[in-house]
Amino acid sequence: MQKTLSSFSDRLSKLFGDLTDGSRKLKVIFDNFPGGAYGFELMARFCYNNGTIEITPSNIVLLNHAAHYMEMGSNSSAKLNLVDQTEKFLEGINYWTWSDLLQALKLCQDLLPTINSSFLLDKVLDCLVGRLTLPTMASPFTCSSNNSSFQFSCDTSSTCSMRNNWSQTTWWFEDLLVLNVNSFDKVIRMMMSQKLDHAAIFKFIVFRLKSRYFSVTASEKCKITEVAINLLSLLDRSSLSCRGLFDILLAVSRLKNISKFYALKLEHLVGSMLDQATLDHLLVPSPHRNHHVYDVNLVLRLLKAFFLEGSTMSRNQLKKVASLMDSYLIEVAPDILLKPSKFAALIMVLPDSAREFSDRLYHAIDMYLQVC
């Protein structure tokens, strides 16, 4: 066994040295062997088959990782080396099915941070994103047995049925929930570099947060949220949805350990789109209910963020925000816990020129004075 394996593996050859008669018994333990026992079995099968093995999309990741781990490349004494064979097979990755790519993605993530994982992962992610930019995306969920790079196959009829319920631009959202935080960051950046529609990217980011928020730990929630906020800031503003941003903002308000830097970054992003908000968006419960019912401090910060966009703000945008704030003032005025200083701050944050009429403002002030 030692002689057979070492003839293909430079790593084992170095360990066994000049051992040829098998009289010495050595016990070799490999920690974190790629794929564990199954990965070793695949590697051994290659050696015992005289340097041949059927390579498929389902085993290529383990074979490639095992080959690099065991130093079975061109430097080994074997004429048929596993590294070259697996990398040659990878040249045809563009012809893999969508399901093949997803399976490879899962394996790559499971094997990180072993040797060569990043290279393979990037290759798989790049191909996945490339599929999403193909012109044939108009009908991506057609079932087919053809493994052409311009078609996507479904594993079962039920999968096809499920995907037919998705819109043309969001069918892949659920498939890519398998992405871990680092892969998620890479994929979004690849999507932007390959000119994928920013509106679709935004929807996916929001979908990813909502879908995984209740199944991960608090620290994982903070990590994925911070990554998402950073990515959102790179998207075209016109592609962002105010409702989606407020959904993320509400989730962030419940996280205790999120970095203040990212929380403020999100607030600035939301504030810049305040003219598209509705009253329901602003009625965020206060984190300190003994102070006031709604998070007035958050609204004040959003307003300040909105005015930071001053040079690009139109008269119409200002009027919309003023109308929104009058509605908000009427809503919070009956709160007996709201301090006069906070109520006054909500009134004074807007310039006088923002309002054409002050009837609703006076109505809010009257309501507040009645409960003071």
Protein backbone atom coordinates (compact mmCIF):
# COMPACT_ATOMS: atom_id res chain seq x y z
CA MET A 1 0.00 0.00 0.00
CA GLN A 2 2.79 2.40 0.96
CA LYS A 3 4.61 1.83 -2.32
CA THR A 4 1.45 2.24 -4.42
CA LEU A 5 0.37 5.46 -2.76
CA SER A 6 3.83 7.01 -2.58
CA SER A 7 4.37 6.40 -6.30
CA PHE A 8 1.66 9.01 -6.98
CA SER A 9 2.02 11.24 -3.92
CA ASP A 10 5.14 13.31 -3.44
CA ARG A 11 4.08 14.01 0.13
CA LEU A 12 3.92 10.30 1.01
CA SER A 13 7.10 9.62 -0.90
CA LYS A 14 8.94 12.08 1.34
CA LEU A 15 7.40 10.54 4.46
CA PHE A 16 8.22 6.95 3.53
CA GLY A 17 11.68 7.76 2.24
CA ASP A 18 13.50 4.86 0.69
CA LEU A 19 11.24 2.24 2.28
CA THR A 20 10.80 -0.51 -0.34
CA ASP A 21 10.61 -3.86 1.44
CA GLY A 22 7.63 -3.02 3.65
CA SER A 23 9.47 -4.34 6.73
CA ARG A 24 8.96 -1.12 8.65
CA LYS A 25 5.46 -0.29 9.75
CA LEU A 26 4.62 3.38 9.84
CA LYS A 27 1.47 5.01 11.11
CA VAL A 28 0.68 8.25 9.29
CA ILE A 29 -2.08 10.53 10.54
CA PHE A 30 -3.31 13.43 8.40
CA ASP A 31 -5.26 16.08 10.26
CA ASN A 32 -8.02 17.78 8.29
CA PHE A 33 -7.63 15.63 5.20
CA PRO A 34 -9.92 17.17 2.53
CA GLY A 35 -13.23 15.31 2.66
CA GLY A 36 -12.10 13.05 5.51
CA ALA A 37 -12.25 9.31 4.94
CA TYR A 38 -14.19 9.65 1.69
CA GLY A 39 -11.65 12.10 0.28
CA PHE A 40 -8.83 9.71 1.14
CA GLU A 41 -10.73 6.83 -0.44
CA LEU A 42 -11.07 8.75 -3.72
CA MET A 43 -7.38 9.57 -3.71
CA ALA A 44 -6.43 5.94 -2.97
CA ARG A 45 -8.75 4.68 -5.70
CA PHE A 46 -6.89 6.85 -8.18
CA CYS A 47 -3.58 5.36 -7.09
CA TYR A 48 -4.75 1.75 -7.20
CA ASN A 49 -6.30 2.28 -10.64
CA ASN A 50 -2.86 3.19 -12.01
CA GLY A 51 -3.59 6.91 -12.16
CA THR A 52 -7.09 6.84 -13.57
CA ILE A 53 -10.45 7.66 -12.01
CA GLU A 54 -13.77 8.93 -13.31
CA ILE A 55 -13.86 12.65 -12.57
CA THR A 56 -17.31 14.23 -12.30
CA PRO A 57 -18.70 17.57 -11.06
CA SER A 58 -19.76 15.77 -7.87
CA ASN A 59 -16.24 14.60 -6.94
CA ILE A 60 -13.98 17.15 -8.64
CA VAL A 61 -13.74 19.41 -5.59
CA LEU A 62 -12.63 16.63 -3.24
CA LEU A 63 -10.26 15.13 -5.81
CA ASN A 64 -8.63 18.48 -6.54
CA HIS A 65 -8.22 19.33 -2.87
CA ALA A 66 -6.89 15.86 -2.05
CA ALA A 67 -4.46 16.03 -4.99
CA HIS A 68 -2.99 19.32 -3.80
CA TYR A 69 -2.94 18.17 -0.18
CA MET A 70 -1.03 14.99 -1.10
CA GLU A 71 1.24 16.78 -3.60
CA MET A 72 0.09 14.73 -6.56
CA GLY A 73 1.06 17.30 -9.18
CA SER A 74 3.64 17.52 -11.93
CA ASN A 75 6.49 17.45 -9.38
CA SER A 76 5.61 13.88 -8.40
CA SER A 77 7.34 10.95 -10.09
CA ALA A 78 4.07 9.63 -11.56
CA LYS A 79 3.42 10.17 -15.27
CA LEU A 80 -0.33 10.48 -14.59
CA ASN A 81 -0.87 13.05 -11.86
CA LEU A 82 -4.19 13.89 -10.25
CA VAL A 83 -3.67 17.66 -10.07
CA ASP A 84 -3.34 18.03 -13.84
CA GLN A 85 -6.31 15.74 -14.49
CA THR A 86 -8.63 17.63 -12.14
CA GLU A 87 -7.56 21.03 -13.42
CA LYS A 88 -8.07 19.92 -17.00
CA PHE A 89 -11.59 18.78 -16.05
CA LEU A 90 -12.22 22.19 -14.47
CA GLU A 91 -11.62 23.81 -17.85
CA GLY A 92 -15.08 22.53 -18.80
CA ILE A 93 -16.83 24.14 -15.84
CA ASN A 94 -18.88 26.33 -18.18
CA TYR A 95 -20.70 23.21 -19.33
CA TRP A 96 -21.75 22.08 -15.86
CA THR A 97 -25.40 22.29 -14.89
CA TRP A 98 -26.64 24.84 -12.36
CA SER A 99 -27.12 22.00 -9.83
CA ASP A 100 -23.54 20.80 -10.38
CA LEU A 101 -22.24 24.28 -9.62
CA LEU A 102 -24.31 24.55 -6.44
CA GLN A 103 -23.00 21.20 -5.21
CA ALA A 104 -19.43 22.27 -5.91
CA LEU A 105 -20.06 25.55 -4.09
CA LYS A 106 -21.22 23.72 -0.95
CA LEU A 107 -18.17 21.46 -0.98
CA CYS A 108 -15.76 24.36 -1.50
CA GLN A 109 -17.23 26.22 1.47
CA ASP A 110 -17.13 23.09 3.64
CA LEU A 111 -13.46 22.54 2.83
CA LEU A 112 -12.26 26.07 3.51
CA PRO A 113 -9.61 27.04 4.50
CA THR A 114 -7.72 24.01 3.09
CA ILE A 115 -5.18 24.48 0.30
CA ASN A 116 -6.48 25.71 -3.05
CA SER A 117 -10.03 26.21 -1.68
CA SER A 118 -10.10 29.89 -2.54
CA PHE A 119 -9.06 29.28 -6.16
CA LEU A 120 -11.76 26.67 -6.71
CA LEU A 121 -14.40 28.66 -4.87
CA ASP A 122 -13.73 31.76 -6.94
CA LYS A 123 -13.94 29.70 -10.13
CA VAL A 124 -17.32 28.23 -9.13
CA LEU A 125 -18.72 31.57 -7.97
CA ASP A 126 -17.58 33.30 -11.14
CA CYS A 127 -19.34 30.67 -13.24
CA LEU A 128 -22.54 30.91 -11.18
CA VAL A 129 -22.66 34.68 -11.54
CA GLY A 130 -21.84 34.37 -15.23
CA ARG A 131 -24.93 32.20 -15.69
CA LEU A 132 -27.11 34.92 -14.21
CA THR A 133 -25.92 37.42 -16.79
CA LEU A 134 -26.66 35.23 -19.83
CA PRO A 135 -29.24 36.53 -22.33
CA THR A 136 -31.19 33.28 -21.89
CA MET A 137 -32.07 34.28 -18.34
CA ALA A 138 -35.59 34.96 -19.65
CA SER A 139 -36.35 31.27 -19.13
CA PRO A 140 -33.72 29.83 -16.80
CA PHE A 141 -35.82 27.16 -15.14
CA THR A 142 -36.61 25.00 -18.16
CA CYS A 143 -35.88 21.38 -17.30
CA SER A 144 -33.44 19.74 -19.69
CA SER A 145 -31.06 16.81 -19.82
CA ASN A 146 -28.66 18.84 -21.95
CA ASN A 147 -25.67 20.09 -19.95
CA SER A 148 -25.13 23.08 -22.21
CA SER A 149 -23.83 26.23 -20.58
CA PHE A 150 -26.88 28.04 -21.94
CA GLN A 151 -29.44 25.86 -20.14
CA PHE A 152 -30.11 25.05 -16.52
CA SER A 153 -31.30 21.66 -15.45
CA CYS A 154 -33.64 20.95 -12.53
CA ASP A 155 -33.11 17.96 -10.30
CA THR A 156 -36.78 17.04 -9.95
CA SER A 157 -40.15 18.03 -11.32
CA SER A 158 -41.04 19.51 -7.94
CA THR A 159 -38.03 21.80 -8.16
CA CYS A 160 -39.16 22.95 -11.57
CA SER A 161 -42.65 23.59 -10.25
CA MET A 162 -41.28 25.67 -7.39
CA ARG A 163 -39.08 27.75 -9.67
CA ASN A 164 -41.88 28.42 -12.09
CA ASN A 165 -43.53 30.36 -9.26
CA TRP A 166 -40.57 32.73 -9.06
CA SER A 167 -40.24 35.78 -11.22
CA GLN A 168 -37.70 35.85 -14.03
CA THR A 169 -35.21 37.86 -11.97
CA THR A 170 -35.49 36.18 -8.56
CA TRP A 171 -35.65 32.42 -9.22
CA TRP A 172 -32.03 31.99 -8.08
CA PHE A 173 -32.45 33.72 -4.71
CA GLU A 174 -33.29 30.57 -2.77
CA ASP A 175 -30.52 28.53 -4.40
CA LEU A 176 -27.87 31.02 -3.31
CA LEU A 177 -28.96 31.01 0.32
CA VAL A 178 -26.26 28.36 0.71
CA LEU A 179 -23.62 31.11 0.51
CA ASN A 180 -21.72 31.73 3.72
CA VAL A 181 -20.83 35.29 4.71
CA ASN A 182 -17.51 35.46 2.85
CA SER A 183 -18.92 33.86 -0.30
CA PHE A 184 -21.93 36.16 -0.13
CA ASP A 185 -19.64 39.19 -0.13
CA LYS A 186 -17.64 37.80 -3.07
CA VAL A 187 -20.74 36.98 -5.11
CA ILE A 188 -22.30 40.42 -4.73
CA ARG A 189 -19.07 42.09 -5.80
CA MET A 190 -18.81 39.74 -8.78
CA MET A 191 -22.41 40.54 -9.72
CA MET A 192 -21.62 44.24 -9.72
CA SER A 193 -18.45 43.76 -11.76
CA GLN A 194 -20.39 41.70 -14.32
CA LYS A 195 -23.07 44.43 -14.57
CA LEU A 196 -25.95 42.41 -13.10
CA ASP A 197 -29.02 44.59 -12.50
CA HIS A 198 -28.50 46.46 -9.21
CA ALA A 199 -32.20 46.30 -8.36
CA ALA A 200 -32.05 42.49 -8.48
CA ILE A 201 -28.88 42.51 -6.37
CA PHE A 202 -30.59 44.72 -3.78
CA LYS A 203 -33.60 42.39 -3.59
CA PHE A 204 -31.29 39.42 -3.10
CA ILE A 205 -29.41 41.13 -0.25
CA VAL A 206 -32.68 41.86 1.55
CA PHE A 207 -33.96 38.33 0.84
CA ARG A 208 -30.71 36.83 2.19
CA LEU A 209 -30.98 38.79 5.42
CA LYS A 210 -34.65 37.95 6.00
CA SER A 211 -34.25 34.26 5.18
CA ARG A 212 -31.33 33.57 7.50
CA TYR A 213 -31.94 36.04 10.30
CA PHE A 214 -33.73 33.72 12.71
CA SER A 215 -31.55 30.65 12.16
CA VAL A 216 -28.15 32.04 13.14
CA THR A 217 -26.45 33.27 16.31
CA ALA A 218 -26.35 36.92 17.39
CA SER A 219 -22.72 37.29 16.32
CA GLU A 220 -23.49 35.79 12.90
CA LYS A 221 -26.42 38.21 12.51
CA CYS A 222 -24.09 41.13 13.18
CA LYS A 223 -21.50 39.84 10.72
CA ILE A 224 -23.90 39.24 7.82
CA THR A 225 -25.68 42.55 8.48
CA GLU A 226 -22.43 44.53 8.47
CA VAL A 227 -21.37 42.85 5.22
CA ALA A 228 -24.79 43.58 3.70
CA ILE A 229 -24.67 47.27 4.72
CA ASN A 230 -21.23 47.63 3.20
CA LEU A 231 -22.47 46.11 -0.06
CA LEU A 232 -25.62 48.24 -0.14
CA SER A 233 -23.51 51.37 -0.09
CA LEU A 234 -21.89 50.25 -3.37
CA LEU A 235 -25.18 49.94 -5.27
CA ASP A 236 -26.77 52.64 -7.40
CA ARG A 237 -29.18 54.65 -5.22
CA SER A 238 -31.87 54.39 -7.90
CA SER A 239 -31.91 50.61 -7.45
CA LEU A 240 -32.64 50.72 -3.72
CA SER A 241 -36.06 50.28 -2.19
CA CYS A 242 -36.95 52.48 0.77
CA ARG A 243 -39.12 49.72 2.21
CA GLY A 244 -36.29 47.19 1.97
CA LEU A 245 -33.87 49.56 3.67
CA PHE A 246 -36.30 50.20 6.52
CA ASP A 247 -36.74 46.43 6.96
CA ILE A 248 -32.98 46.13 7.43
CA LEU A 249 -32.94 49.19 9.70
CA LEU A 250 -35.61 47.64 11.91
CA ALA A 251 -33.60 44.43 12.16
CA VAL A 252 -30.44 46.37 13.01
CA SER A 253 -32.26 48.23 15.80
CA ARG A 254 -32.69 44.86 17.53
CA LEU A 255 -29.01 43.95 17.39
CA LYS A 256 -27.03 44.92 20.47
CA ASN A 257 -23.49 44.27 19.26
CA ILE A 258 -23.52 45.65 15.75
CA SER A 259 -20.73 48.10 14.99
CA LYS A 260 -21.83 51.72 15.42
CA PHE A 261 -19.96 52.55 12.21
CA TYR A 262 -22.20 50.25 10.14
CA ALA A 263 -25.37 51.28 11.98
CA LEU A 264 -24.68 54.94 11.14
CA LYS A 265 -23.75 54.01 7.58
CA LEU A 266 -27.15 52.36 7.13
CA GLU A 267 -28.96 55.31 8.72
CA HIS A 268 -27.22 57.68 6.32
CA LEU A 269 -28.31 55.52 3.40
CA VAL A 270 -31.92 55.38 4.63
CA GLY A 271 -31.95 59.09 5.45
CA SER A 272 -30.86 60.01 1.95
CA MET A 273 -34.07 58.37 0.68
CA LEU A 274 -36.39 59.80 3.34
CA ASP A 275 -38.56 61.51 0.74
CA GLN A 276 -39.66 58.03 -0.40
CA ALA A 277 -40.62 56.86 3.10
CA THR A 278 -44.10 56.49 4.55
CA LEU A 279 -45.35 57.14 8.07
CA ASP A 280 -45.38 53.41 8.84
CA HIS A 281 -41.66 53.27 8.08
CA LEU A 282 -40.91 55.91 10.72
CA LEU A 283 -42.98 54.38 13.49
CA VAL A 284 -40.12 52.31 14.89
CA PRO A 285 -40.65 51.35 18.55
CA SER A 286 -38.29 53.09 20.94
CA PRO A 287 -35.51 50.91 22.36
CA HIS A 288 -36.22 52.61 25.70
CA ARG A 289 -39.97 52.46 26.22
CA ASN A 290 -39.70 54.36 29.50
CA HIS A 291 -38.61 57.44 27.50
CA HIS A 292 -41.14 57.51 24.64
CA VAL A 293 -43.18 55.15 22.51
CA TYR A 294 -41.41 55.66 19.18
CA ASP A 295 -37.72 56.00 18.38
CA VAL A 296 -37.66 59.79 17.97
CA ASN A 297 -33.87 59.90 18.12
CA LEU A 298 -33.66 57.62 15.07
CA VAL A 299 -36.01 59.87 13.09
CA LEU A 300 -33.93 62.92 14.01
CA ARG A 301 -30.78 61.17 12.79
CA LEU A 302 -32.50 60.18 9.54
CA LEU A 303 -33.58 63.78 8.98
CA LYS A 304 -30.04 65.02 9.51
CA ALA A 305 -28.80 62.42 7.01
CA PHE A 306 -31.40 63.64 4.52
CA PHE A 307 -30.19 67.22 4.81
CA LEU A 308 -26.60 66.13 4.28
CA GLU A 309 -27.70 65.50 0.69
CA GLY A 310 -28.57 69.22 0.48
CA SER A 311 -26.84 70.01 -2.80
CA THR A 312 -28.78 67.33 -4.68
CA MET A 313 -32.11 67.82 -2.90
CA SER A 314 -35.02 69.12 -4.96
CA ARG A 315 -37.84 71.36 -3.75
CA ASN A 316 -40.29 68.54 -4.29
CA GLN A 317 -38.25 66.15 -2.12
CA LEU A 318 -38.17 68.70 0.68
CA LYS A 319 -41.96 69.16 0.52
CA LYS A 320 -42.48 65.39 0.74
CA VAL A 321 -40.31 65.12 3.83
CA ALA A 322 -42.06 68.08 5.44
CA SER A 323 -45.47 66.46 4.86
CA LEU A 324 -44.15 63.18 6.24
CA MET A 325 -42.83 64.91 9.34
CA ASP A 326 -46.13 66.67 9.98
CA SER A 327 -47.85 63.26 9.91
CA TYR A 328 -45.20 61.90 12.26
CA LEU A 329 -45.64 64.83 14.67
CA ILE A 330 -49.39 64.20 14.81
CA GLU A 331 -48.71 60.52 15.55
CA VAL A 332 -46.22 61.09 18.38
CA ALA A 333 -47.89 64.17 19.93
CA PRO A 334 -50.19 62.16 22.25
CA ASP A 335 -47.20 60.39 23.83
CA ILE A 336 -47.11 61.62 27.44
CA LEU A 337 -43.52 60.34 27.81
CA LEU A 338 -42.18 62.45 24.95
CA LYS A 339 -40.08 65.27 26.39
CA PRO A 340 -40.70 68.85 25.20
CA SER A 341 -37.08 69.12 24.02
CA LYS A 342 -37.53 66.13 21.70
CA PHE A 343 -40.84 67.35 20.35
CA ALA A 344 -39.32 70.78 19.71
CA ALA A 345 -36.32 69.17 17.98
CA LEU A 346 -38.69 67.37 15.59
CA ILE A 347 -40.32 70.69 14.71
CA MET A 348 -37.17 72.75 14.35
CA VAL A 349 -35.14 70.24 12.32
CA LEU A 350 -36.99 71.35 9.17
CA PRO A 351 -36.40 74.84 7.75
CA ASP A 352 -39.40 77.20 7.60
CA SER A 353 -39.27 77.13 3.81
CA ALA A 354 -40.07 73.41 3.79
CA ARG A 355 -43.75 73.97 4.62
CA GLU A 356 -46.17 75.88 2.42
CA PHE A 357 -48.89 75.51 5.06
CA SER A 358 -48.53 74.99 8.80
CA ASP A 359 -52.07 73.84 9.69
CA ARG A 360 -51.04 70.24 10.44
CA LEU A 361 -48.01 71.42 12.40
CA TYR A 362 -50.20 73.60 14.63
CA HIS A 363 -52.59 70.70 15.04
CA ALA A 364 -49.75 68.50 16.28
CA ILE A 365 -48.56 71.21 18.69
CA ASP A 366 -52.09 71.60 20.05
CA MET A 367 -52.37 67.83 20.62
CA TYR A 368 -49.02 67.77 22.42
CA LEU A 369 -49.90 70.68 24.70
CA GLN A 370 -53.08 68.92 25.76
CA VAL A 371 -51.19 65.91 27.12
CA CYS A 372 -48.21 67.77 28.61
